[in-house]
Amino acid sequence: MKGIKIVAILLFLAAFSAKAQEKIELYEGTIPGSMKSTVKESYSSGMYRGVIQPTLELFLPEKGNATGAAVIICPGGGYSVVVYDGEGVTTAKEFAKNGVAAFVLKYRLPDDSIMTDKKYGPLQDAQKAIQLVRENATKWGIDVKKVGIMGFSAGGHLASTEATHFKNPRIENINNTNLRPDFQILVYPVTSMQDNLTHRDSRTQLLGKNPSKEDIDQFSNELQIDDVTPPAYITHAADDKLVDVDNSILYFEALRHHNVPVEMHIYPKGGHGFVFRHPGWMDPLFLWMKNSKWIN
């Protein structure tokens, strides 16, 4: 896939060492919807493939700098890989430096050979991540009312799916923990599965080669927005050739029409994966978080 090859090159050019306080497995026991498989999980060039053991990696701010806000980061990769280091770890470090607890989610990639219904595997992991962060909020110095989710590209589809499908838990939730993110941050996201808008490879990976209209509509998240959808920050490049910027624009419009607070930044140029080429791209994001009272 062209986009993944470009990202791989960028990751090679921008290599770094990744250190975090802790990495935890999402599930203590059986992973929901999982099946025995010969698939082997692998990691190379800053990316994971064949994920069978989802995890959360913690990047907590210094106590004196902590704001109480937290964000779960879903890297992209077309639902074929997880661009873990470049979009996940790098972003998490910047959040921690700015007082936000960050959690990089290594989520399962849709695969009929490892899960009973591949279209729900990533969503289960995102919901479990929200659950874990809220249930450990005191331990990690987090305000349970300031827990958001963030996603890049196909990870943006996962983040927006969690933000629009939280009312339908796909995981065991015996404590009735709130699975609604308090805010969502979408970076050059795939938000739609519709023929004229979606990123085809991402849709095929998630829904299969011949998805039903019901599945297409269910995972077209611009159609799932309602009045209680979380506030959003969206950013994209107008010249993105891999994921059409209309994914962001139509999602923005749907939020606006439901009176959900939303801010969007569209850069005229930058292409897909512009975060690798624009080091200051998070500055307006932090300003939005301050103006929205997520951070001080």
Protein backbone atom coordinates (compact mmCIF):
# COMPACT_ATOMS: atom_id res chain seq x y z
CA MET A 1 0.00 0.00 0.00
CA LYS A 2 1.49 3.29 -1.11
CA GLY A 3 0.66 5.20 2.05
CA ILE A 4 2.23 2.59 4.29
CA LYS A 5 5.43 2.55 2.20
CA ILE A 6 5.69 6.32 2.53
CA VAL A 7 5.18 6.14 6.28
CA ALA A 8 7.83 3.42 6.58
CA ILE A 9 10.36 5.64 4.81
CA LEU A 10 9.49 8.56 7.05
CA LEU A 11 9.83 6.42 10.14
CA PHE A 12 13.27 5.29 9.00
CA LEU A 13 14.33 8.89 8.50
CA ALA A 14 12.93 9.95 11.86
CA ALA A 15 14.01 7.03 14.04
CA PHE A 16 14.13 7.52 17.81
CA SER A 17 14.34 5.53 21.02
CA ALA A 18 11.02 4.93 22.78
CA LYS A 19 10.82 4.74 26.55
CA ALA A 20 7.71 4.67 28.72
CA GLN A 21 6.86 4.06 32.34
CA GLU A 22 4.92 0.87 31.73
CA LYS A 23 3.31 -1.33 29.08
CA ILE A 24 0.30 -3.38 30.12
CA GLU A 25 -1.79 -6.04 28.42
CA LEU A 26 -5.36 -4.90 27.79
CA TYR A 27 -6.99 -8.12 28.93
CA GLU A 28 -6.09 -10.19 31.96
CA GLY A 29 -7.85 -13.29 30.70
CA THR A 30 -9.43 -14.30 27.44
CA ILE A 31 -9.32 -11.71 24.68
CA PRO A 32 -12.92 -11.20 23.50
CA GLY A 33 -13.71 -12.61 20.07
CA SER A 34 -10.25 -14.14 19.68
CA MET A 35 -9.50 -17.51 18.09
CA LYS A 36 -6.48 -19.76 18.10
CA SER A 37 -4.33 -18.97 15.12
CA THR A 38 -0.92 -19.47 13.57
CA VAL A 39 -0.56 -15.71 13.00
CA LYS A 40 2.65 -14.34 14.50
CA GLU A 41 2.82 -10.80 15.83
CA SER A 42 5.85 -8.88 14.58
CA TYR A 43 7.49 -5.49 15.00
CA SER A 44 9.84 -3.75 12.58
CA SER A 45 10.54 -0.23 11.32
CA GLY A 46 8.45 1.19 14.16
CA MET A 47 5.33 -0.75 13.12
CA TYR A 48 3.41 -3.77 14.39
CA ARG A 49 1.87 -6.42 12.16
CA GLY A 50 -0.36 -9.36 13.00
CA VAL A 51 -1.28 -8.00 16.44
CA ILE A 52 -2.72 -10.75 18.63
CA GLN A 53 -1.92 -9.29 22.07
CA PRO A 54 -3.31 -5.73 22.44
CA THR A 55 -1.50 -3.47 24.89
CA LEU A 56 -1.45 0.02 26.35
CA GLU A 57 1.86 1.84 26.79
CA LEU A 58 1.84 4.56 29.44
CA PHE A 59 3.47 7.98 29.12
CA LEU A 60 2.64 9.90 32.29
CA PRO A 61 3.59 13.54 32.88
CA GLU A 62 5.66 14.70 35.82
CA LYS A 63 3.37 15.12 38.84
CA GLY A 64 4.05 18.84 39.09
CA ASN A 65 3.07 19.28 35.45
CA ALA A 66 0.05 16.95 35.30
CA THR A 67 -3.26 18.47 34.22
CA GLY A 68 -5.45 15.44 34.94
CA ALA A 69 -6.26 15.02 31.26
CA ALA A 70 -5.59 11.77 29.44
CA VAL A 71 -5.68 10.63 25.85
CA ILE A 72 -5.65 7.16 24.28
CA ILE A 73 -3.76 7.22 20.98
CA CYS A 74 -4.72 4.93 18.09
CA PRO A 75 -1.97 5.01 15.43
CA GLY A 76 -2.92 4.45 11.81
CA GLY A 77 -1.80 1.97 9.20
CA GLY A 78 -4.79 1.13 7.02
CA TYR A 79 -5.98 -1.52 9.50
CA SER A 80 -3.06 -3.54 8.08
CA VAL A 81 -0.28 -2.38 10.41
CA VAL A 82 -0.03 -0.16 13.49
CA VAL A 83 2.31 2.80 12.91
CA TYR A 84 3.25 2.57 16.54
CA ASP A 85 6.37 4.68 17.01
CA GLY A 86 5.88 7.53 14.56
CA GLU A 87 2.24 8.33 15.25
CA GLY A 88 1.90 6.72 18.67
CA VAL A 89 5.01 7.10 20.80
CA THR A 90 6.20 10.43 19.36
CA THR A 91 2.76 11.96 19.96
CA ALA A 92 2.49 10.46 23.44
CA LYS A 93 5.80 11.99 24.48
CA GLU A 94 4.62 15.43 23.37
CA PHE A 95 1.40 15.05 25.33
CA ALA A 96 3.27 13.99 28.47
CA LYS A 97 5.60 16.97 28.12
CA ASN A 98 2.50 19.18 28.10
CA GLY A 99 0.94 17.62 31.19
CA VAL A 100 -1.38 15.11 29.50
CA ALA A 101 -1.22 11.41 30.37
CA ALA A 102 -0.91 9.52 27.09
CA PHE A 103 -1.60 5.87 26.36
CA VAL A 104 -0.51 4.31 23.07
CA LEU A 105 -2.91 1.58 22.03
CA LYS A 106 -1.57 -1.41 20.14
CA TYR A 107 -4.90 -2.72 18.88
CA ARG A 108 -5.73 -5.92 17.07
CA LEU A 109 -5.86 -5.61 13.30
CA PRO A 110 -8.97 -7.03 11.61
CA ASP A 111 -8.25 -10.60 10.55
CA ASP A 112 -10.71 -13.45 10.04
CA SER A 113 -8.05 -15.94 11.08
CA ILE A 114 -7.64 -14.54 14.62
CA MET A 115 -11.12 -13.25 15.56
CA THR A 116 -14.71 -14.41 15.26
CA ASP A 117 -15.94 -11.07 13.86
CA LYS A 118 -13.05 -8.95 12.67
CA LYS A 119 -15.00 -5.72 12.31
CA TYR A 120 -15.44 -5.48 16.10
CA GLY A 121 -11.94 -6.47 17.26
CA PRO A 122 -10.36 -3.00 17.09
CA LEU A 123 -13.43 -1.38 18.68
CA GLN A 124 -13.32 -3.85 21.56
CA ASP A 125 -9.72 -2.85 22.21
CA ALA A 126 -10.54 0.87 22.10
CA GLN A 127 -13.43 0.41 24.52
CA LYS A 128 -11.25 -1.68 26.81
CA ALA A 129 -8.59 1.05 26.78
CA ILE A 130 -11.14 3.68 27.86
CA GLN A 131 -12.36 1.32 30.57
CA LEU A 132 -8.87 0.61 31.89
CA VAL A 133 -7.83 4.25 32.00
CA ARG A 134 -10.98 5.29 33.88
CA GLU A 135 -10.79 2.38 36.32
CA ASN A 136 -7.14 3.22 37.11
CA ALA A 137 -7.61 7.00 37.10
CA THR A 138 -6.64 7.52 40.72
CA LYS A 139 -3.51 5.41 40.36
CA TRP A 140 -2.40 7.36 37.28
CA GLY A 141 -3.46 10.82 38.46
CA ILE A 142 -6.25 11.22 35.90
CA ASP A 143 -9.57 13.06 36.03
CA VAL A 144 -12.21 10.54 34.88
CA LYS A 145 -14.06 13.40 33.16
CA LYS A 146 -11.06 14.31 31.01
CA VAL A 147 -10.35 11.07 29.15
CA GLY A 148 -10.22 11.43 25.38
CA ILE A 149 -9.35 9.33 22.36
CA MET A 150 -7.15 10.20 19.37
CA GLY A 151 -6.56 8.51 16.05
CA PHE A 152 -4.52 8.88 12.89
CA SER A 153 -5.79 7.77 9.46
CA ALA A 154 -7.38 4.32 9.98
CA GLY A 155 -6.70 4.85 13.67
CA GLY A 156 -8.87 7.95 13.23
CA HIS A 157 -11.61 5.65 12.03
CA LEU A 158 -11.16 3.56 15.15
CA ALA A 159 -11.21 6.64 17.40
CA SER A 160 -14.31 8.05 15.70
CA THR A 161 -15.97 4.62 15.89
CA GLU A 162 -15.43 4.53 19.64
CA ALA A 163 -16.69 8.13 19.88
CA THR A 164 -19.91 7.23 18.05
CA HIS A 165 -20.51 3.62 19.20
CA PHE A 166 -19.81 3.88 22.93
CA LYS A 167 -23.46 3.21 23.80
CA ASN A 168 -23.08 -0.36 22.54
CA PRO A 169 -20.40 -2.06 24.66
CA ARG A 170 -18.53 -4.84 22.89
CA ILE A 171 -16.64 -5.82 26.03
CA GLU A 172 -17.56 -7.08 29.48
CA ASN A 173 -18.27 -4.06 31.68
CA ILE A 174 -19.35 -5.36 35.08
CA ASN A 175 -18.58 -2.03 36.80
CA ASN A 176 -20.69 -0.13 34.26
CA THR A 177 -17.68 2.08 33.57
CA ASN A 178 -18.39 5.02 31.27
CA LEU A 179 -17.05 4.09 27.81
CA ARG A 180 -17.76 7.50 26.23
CA PRO A 181 -14.60 9.48 25.46
CA ASP A 182 -14.83 13.02 26.81
CA PHE A 183 -13.26 14.33 23.60
CA GLN A 184 -11.96 13.04 20.28
CA ILE A 185 -8.92 14.12 18.27
CA LEU A 186 -8.84 13.01 14.64
CA VAL A 187 -5.76 13.41 12.45
CA TYR A 188 -6.21 12.86 8.67
CA PRO A 189 -8.90 10.35 9.64
CA VAL A 190 -10.83 7.82 7.67
CA THR A 191 -14.32 8.49 9.04
CA SER A 192 -16.54 6.96 6.35
CA MET A 193 -16.96 3.57 4.71
CA GLN A 194 -19.10 4.95 1.86
CA ASP A 195 -17.97 4.13 -1.70
CA ASN A 196 -17.29 7.72 -2.73
CA LEU A 197 -15.36 8.68 0.38
CA THR A 198 -13.66 5.81 2.16
CA HIS A 199 -10.08 4.62 1.98
CA ARG A 200 -10.69 1.36 0.14
CA ASP A 201 -7.88 -0.67 1.68
CA SER A 202 -8.98 0.27 5.20
CA ARG A 203 -12.58 -0.71 4.42
CA THR A 204 -11.55 -4.03 2.89
CA GLN A 205 -9.40 -4.86 5.91
CA LEU A 206 -12.20 -4.00 8.36
CA LEU A 207 -15.37 -5.10 6.53
CA GLY A 208 -14.16 -7.47 3.82
CA LYS A 209 -14.22 -7.27 0.04
CA ASN A 210 -18.01 -7.21 -0.34
CA PRO A 211 -19.45 -5.54 2.77
CA SER A 212 -23.19 -5.23 3.25
CA LYS A 213 -24.88 -1.84 3.10
CA GLU A 214 -25.74 -2.30 6.78
CA ASP A 215 -22.05 -2.67 7.72
CA ILE A 216 -21.00 0.19 5.45
CA ASP A 217 -23.54 2.51 7.06
CA GLN A 218 -22.83 1.31 10.60
CA PHE A 219 -19.13 2.06 10.26
CA SER A 220 -19.63 5.31 8.37
CA ASN A 221 -19.23 7.32 11.51
CA GLU A 222 -20.52 10.58 10.06
CA LEU A 223 -23.92 8.82 9.99
CA GLN A 224 -23.67 7.75 13.65
CA ILE A 225 -23.18 11.21 15.19
CA ASP A 226 -25.85 12.45 17.58
CA ASP A 227 -26.27 15.13 20.23
CA VAL A 228 -24.12 13.31 22.80
CA THR A 229 -21.15 12.59 20.53
CA PRO A 230 -17.97 13.92 22.21
CA PRO A 231 -16.48 17.30 21.23
CA ALA A 232 -13.85 17.03 18.51
CA TYR A 233 -10.63 18.48 17.16
CA ILE A 234 -9.95 17.52 13.54
CA THR A 235 -6.94 18.21 11.35
CA HIS A 236 -6.19 17.21 7.75
CA ALA A 237 -4.34 18.39 4.65
CA ALA A 238 -6.40 19.52 1.65
CA ASP A 239 -4.04 17.80 -0.77
CA ASP A 240 -4.22 14.39 0.94
CA LYS A 241 -4.25 11.86 -1.91
CA LEU A 242 -4.66 8.78 0.28
CA VAL A 243 -7.54 9.76 2.58
CA ASP A 244 -9.80 12.39 1.03
CA VAL A 245 -10.15 15.49 3.21
CA ASP A 246 -13.93 15.22 2.74
CA ASN A 247 -13.78 12.52 5.43
CA SER A 248 -12.95 15.29 7.89
CA ILE A 249 -15.22 17.92 6.34
CA LEU A 250 -18.36 15.75 6.36
CA TYR A 251 -17.64 14.56 9.89
CA PHE A 252 -17.21 18.21 10.94
CA GLU A 253 -20.51 19.13 9.28
CA ALA A 254 -22.37 16.29 11.00
CA LEU A 255 -21.00 17.35 14.39
CA ARG A 256 -21.90 20.97 13.75
CA HIS A 257 -25.47 20.11 12.77
CA HIS A 258 -25.86 18.23 16.05
CA ASN A 259 -24.46 21.20 17.99
CA VAL A 260 -21.41 19.21 19.11
CA PRO A 261 -18.43 21.53 19.74
CA VAL A 262 -15.85 20.98 16.99
CA GLU A 263 -12.73 22.73 15.74
CA MET A 264 -11.03 21.85 12.47
CA HIS A 265 -7.67 22.82 10.99
CA ILE A 266 -7.16 22.10 7.28
CA TYR A 267 -3.69 22.74 5.92
CA PRO A 268 -3.52 23.61 2.20
CA LYS A 269 -0.56 21.29 1.68
CA GLY A 270 1.08 18.45 3.54
CA GLY A 271 -0.38 15.27 2.11
CA HIS A 272 -1.12 12.17 4.12
CA GLY A 273 1.06 11.75 7.19
CA PHE A 274 1.90 15.46 7.34
CA VAL A 275 2.69 15.16 11.05
CA PHE A 276 6.05 13.65 10.09
CA ARG A 277 6.95 16.82 8.20
CA HIS A 278 5.42 19.58 10.36
CA PRO A 279 6.84 19.55 13.91
CA GLY A 280 4.51 22.33 15.10
CA TRP A 281 1.27 20.63 14.12
CA MET A 282 0.28 20.02 17.76
CA ASP A 283 0.47 23.69 18.80
CA PRO A 284 -3.13 24.52 17.77
CA LEU A 285 -4.26 21.23 19.31
CA PHE A 286 -2.92 22.23 22.71
CA LEU A 287 -4.52 25.65 22.35
CA TRP A 288 -7.85 23.92 21.64
CA MET A 289 -7.40 21.74 24.72
CA LYS A 290 -6.75 24.84 26.84
CA ASN A 291 -9.68 26.77 25.40
CA SER A 292 -11.92 23.74 25.94
CA LYS A 293 -10.75 23.44 29.58
CA TRP A 294 -9.31 19.96 29.10
CA ILE A 295 -5.96 21.28 30.29
CA ASN A 296 -5.00 24.36 32.31
